[in-house]
Amino acid sequence: MTTPVGRRERKKAATRQALADAALNLFIAHGYDNVTLHDVAEAADVSTTTLLKHFPSKEALVFDQEADQEAALVAAVRDRARGTTIPRALCVHVKRVRIHAGGSDARYSQFADLVKTTPALSAYAHRMWMRHQDALARAIAADTGAPSDDPRSAALAHFALESAALAHRAADPEQAVEAAFELLEHGWENPAAKPGAART
């Protein structure tokens, strides 16, 4: 019985990948708003009904790593190196997966540009990313021995994730993330309060 199940799962995975690839190709070539679900289904040689069994929405066709994202965030806290603080581990992780992901890969650059220039996709990506807040907060609380509903853990999780949105609006994304996590780790220090600094 295990062989047929394995074959079925492989076929489902192949169909899902074909749909995602077809969607990305069409979105890059014609623009996200100019492509319909029917267009994607036709390009992948399946029905629209089959497409919707794999992807509940048009936006979901572009993002297919939600479970992996959450697991990686939790692992960044749980498996960090000895002596590394939670904010530092999360800072490194956010920069790696939200700023430097894809490296010099041209295909990833096309994907990133598509998301950045399409408001519906930018909004969806942010909502999807922020859905990991509760899981990340629980991981932080568990690591520190705090209750699972610890508000400090929830606050750190929230603002750690929001740093990605800050980076996407910044002229220097890496510097923006570093500044955000410096604040999260050490708190706010008013520059005007330093000796010799002028008050504004």
Protein backbone atom coordinates (compact mmCIF):
# COMPACT_ATOMS: atom_id res chain seq x y z
CA MET A 1 0.00 0.00 0.00
CA THR A 2 2.90 2.38 0.58
CA THR A 3 4.03 2.51 -3.07
CA PRO A 4 0.73 3.85 -4.50
CA VAL A 5 0.52 6.44 -1.72
CA GLY A 6 4.06 7.56 -2.49
CA ARG A 7 3.28 7.80 -6.19
CA ARG A 8 0.13 9.82 -5.48
CA GLU A 9 2.04 12.24 -3.28
CA ARG A 10 4.76 12.65 -5.90
CA LYS A 11 2.12 13.39 -8.54
CA LYS A 12 0.46 15.98 -6.28
CA ALA A 13 3.81 17.61 -5.57
CA ALA A 14 4.66 17.69 -9.29
CA THR A 15 1.30 19.30 -10.13
CA ARG A 16 1.74 21.86 -7.38
CA GLN A 17 5.23 22.72 -8.61
CA ALA A 18 4.05 22.96 -12.22
CA LEU A 19 1.32 25.39 -11.17
CA ALA A 20 3.70 27.52 -9.12
CA ASP A 21 6.24 27.63 -11.97
CA ALA A 22 3.59 28.49 -14.56
CA ALA A 23 2.18 31.23 -12.35
CA LEU A 24 5.55 32.84 -11.71
CA ASN A 25 6.45 32.74 -15.41
CA LEU A 26 3.16 34.37 -16.39
CA PHE A 27 3.28 36.96 -13.61
CA ILE A 28 6.82 38.01 -14.55
CA ALA A 29 6.04 38.11 -18.27
CA HIS A 30 2.66 39.85 -18.16
CA GLY A 31 2.28 41.40 -14.70
CA TYR A 32 0.44 39.91 -11.76
CA ASP A 33 -2.77 41.87 -12.32
CA ASN A 34 -2.98 40.85 -15.98
CA VAL A 35 -2.96 37.09 -15.34
CA THR A 36 -6.02 35.12 -14.23
CA LEU A 37 -6.27 31.80 -12.41
CA HIS A 38 -7.62 30.33 -15.65
CA ASP A 39 -4.47 31.49 -17.46
CA VAL A 40 -2.28 29.72 -14.92
CA ALA A 41 -4.33 26.52 -14.99
CA GLU A 42 -4.24 26.47 -18.78
CA ALA A 43 -0.47 26.97 -18.85
CA ALA A 44 -0.03 24.05 -16.44
CA ASP A 45 -2.56 21.94 -18.38
CA VAL A 46 -4.96 21.44 -15.46
CA SER A 47 -8.44 22.70 -14.65
CA THR A 48 -9.08 25.77 -12.52
CA THR A 49 -10.78 23.46 -10.01
CA THR A 50 -7.57 21.43 -9.72
CA LEU A 51 -5.55 24.63 -9.27
CA LEU A 52 -7.79 25.72 -6.38
CA LYS A 53 -7.33 22.36 -4.67
CA HIS A 54 -3.62 23.13 -4.44
CA PHE A 55 -3.70 26.91 -3.95
CA PRO A 56 -6.62 28.67 -2.22
CA SER A 57 -5.91 32.05 -3.79
CA LYS A 58 -4.00 33.77 -6.57
CA GLU A 59 -1.50 35.22 -4.09
CA ALA A 60 -0.77 31.78 -2.66
CA LEU A 61 0.59 30.71 -6.05
CA VAL A 62 3.57 32.96 -5.46
CA PHE A 63 4.33 31.92 -1.87
CA ASP A 64 4.69 28.24 -1.09
CA GLN A 65 7.07 28.11 1.87
CA GLU A 66 4.94 29.17 4.83
CA ALA A 67 5.48 26.04 6.96
CA ASP A 68 9.20 26.10 6.22
CA GLN A 69 9.41 29.77 7.19
CA GLU A 70 7.85 29.13 10.59
CA ALA A 71 10.05 26.12 11.31
CA ALA A 72 13.15 28.15 10.39
CA LEU A 73 12.18 31.01 12.70
CA VAL A 74 11.65 28.66 15.62
CA ALA A 75 14.95 26.92 14.85
CA ALA A 76 16.77 30.28 14.78
CA VAL A 77 15.83 30.66 18.46
CA ARG A 78 16.05 27.04 19.57
CA ASP A 79 19.26 26.06 17.76
CA ARG A 80 21.29 29.27 18.05
CA ALA A 81 24.94 29.03 19.03
CA ARG A 82 25.88 29.14 22.69
CA GLY A 83 26.42 32.72 23.81
CA THR A 84 24.25 34.18 21.04
CA THR A 85 21.31 36.20 22.30
CA ILE A 86 17.83 35.67 20.90
CA PRO A 87 17.67 39.14 19.28
CA ARG A 88 21.07 38.61 17.63
CA ALA A 89 20.06 35.18 16.32
CA LEU A 90 16.83 36.60 14.91
CA CYS A 91 18.66 39.58 13.39
CA VAL A 92 20.98 37.25 11.48
CA HIS A 93 18.03 35.10 10.40
CA VAL A 94 15.89 38.02 9.20
CA LYS A 95 18.77 39.43 7.16
CA ARG A 96 19.49 36.04 5.63
CA VAL A 97 15.94 35.14 4.60
CA ARG A 98 14.44 38.58 3.95
CA ILE A 99 17.33 40.63 2.57
CA HIS A 100 19.98 38.30 1.20
CA ALA A 101 17.77 35.39 0.13
CA GLY A 102 18.54 34.19 -3.36
CA GLY A 103 21.97 35.80 -3.45
CA SER A 104 22.79 36.69 -7.05
CA ASP A 105 20.20 34.30 -8.51
CA ALA A 106 18.49 36.13 -11.38
CA ARG A 107 15.28 34.16 -11.05
CA TYR A 108 14.95 35.08 -7.38
CA SER A 109 15.62 38.73 -8.24
CA GLN A 110 12.71 38.62 -10.69
CA PHE A 111 10.50 37.11 -8.00
CA ALA A 112 11.57 39.73 -5.43
CA ASP A 113 10.94 42.57 -7.90
CA LEU A 114 7.50 41.14 -8.70
CA VAL A 115 6.52 41.09 -5.03
CA LYS A 116 7.97 44.53 -4.33
CA THR A 117 6.18 46.18 -7.26
CA THR A 118 2.81 44.45 -6.78
CA PRO A 119 0.88 45.89 -3.82
CA ALA A 120 -1.36 42.81 -3.46
CA LEU A 121 1.67 40.53 -3.24
CA SER A 122 3.57 42.82 -0.87
CA ALA A 123 0.58 42.94 1.47
CA TYR A 124 0.07 39.17 1.26
CA ALA A 125 3.76 38.49 1.93
CA HIS A 126 3.66 40.70 5.02
CA ARG A 127 0.50 39.04 6.37
CA MET A 128 1.98 35.60 5.76
CA TRP A 129 5.25 36.54 7.50
CA MET A 130 3.45 38.03 10.51
CA ARG A 131 1.33 34.88 10.93
CA HIS A 132 4.44 33.28 12.43
CA GLN A 133 4.35 35.68 15.38
CA ASP A 134 2.59 33.34 17.83
CA ALA A 135 4.87 30.38 17.06
CA LEU A 136 7.95 32.58 17.41
CA ALA A 137 6.68 34.06 20.68
CA ARG A 138 6.11 30.57 22.11
CA ALA A 139 9.63 29.54 21.07
CA ILE A 140 11.11 32.60 22.79
CA ALA A 141 9.06 31.99 25.93
CA ALA A 142 10.03 28.32 26.06
CA ASP A 143 13.71 29.16 25.63
CA THR A 144 13.65 31.72 28.45
CA GLY A 145 11.44 29.69 30.79
CA ALA A 146 8.63 32.24 30.61
CA PRO A 147 4.91 31.37 30.42
CA SER A 148 3.66 30.61 26.90
CA ASP A 149 1.60 33.83 26.93
CA ASP A 150 4.48 36.01 28.15
CA PRO A 151 3.87 39.55 26.79
CA ARG A 152 7.60 40.36 26.54
CA SER A 153 8.17 37.30 24.36
CA ALA A 154 5.18 38.30 22.22
CA ALA A 155 6.53 41.85 21.85
CA LEU A 156 9.98 40.64 20.82
CA ALA A 157 8.47 38.25 18.28
CA HIS A 158 6.23 40.96 16.83
CA PHE A 159 8.91 43.60 16.41
CA ALA A 160 11.52 41.11 15.21
CA LEU A 161 9.20 40.12 12.37
CA GLU A 162 8.20 43.71 11.64
CA SER A 163 11.86 44.58 11.11
CA ALA A 164 11.58 42.95 7.68
CA ALA A 165 8.95 45.47 6.59
CA LEU A 166 11.11 48.30 7.91
CA ALA A 167 14.02 46.98 5.85
CA HIS A 168 11.99 46.87 2.64
CA ARG A 169 11.19 50.57 2.98
CA ALA A 170 14.76 51.59 3.83
CA ALA A 171 17.50 52.84 1.52
CA ASP A 172 19.90 50.51 3.37
CA PRO A 173 17.89 47.40 4.38
CA GLU A 174 20.70 45.76 6.34
CA GLN A 175 21.39 48.86 8.37
CA ALA A 176 17.67 49.18 9.11
CA VAL A 177 17.48 45.63 10.46
CA GLU A 178 20.63 46.11 12.55
CA ALA A 179 19.20 49.31 14.03
CA ALA A 180 15.90 47.61 14.85
CA PHE A 181 17.56 44.73 16.66
CA GLU A 182 20.00 47.01 18.45
CA LEU A 183 16.95 48.74 19.87
CA LEU A 184 15.25 45.45 20.73
CA GLU A 185 18.32 44.14 22.52
CA HIS A 186 19.52 47.24 24.34
CA GLY A 187 16.51 49.54 24.50
CA TRP A 188 16.10 53.14 23.47
CA GLU A 189 18.82 55.61 24.37
CA ASN A 190 17.94 59.22 23.64
CA PRO A 191 20.90 60.76 21.78
CA ALA A 192 20.02 64.12 23.32
CA ALA A 193 20.59 62.65 26.79
CA LYS A 194 24.28 61.96 26.12
CA PRO A 195 26.79 64.38 27.67
CA GLY A 196 27.50 67.26 25.32
CA ALA A 197 24.60 66.48 23.02
CA ALA A 198 22.31 69.32 22.02
CA ARG A 199 18.64 69.01 22.92
CA THR A 200 16.19 69.23 20.02
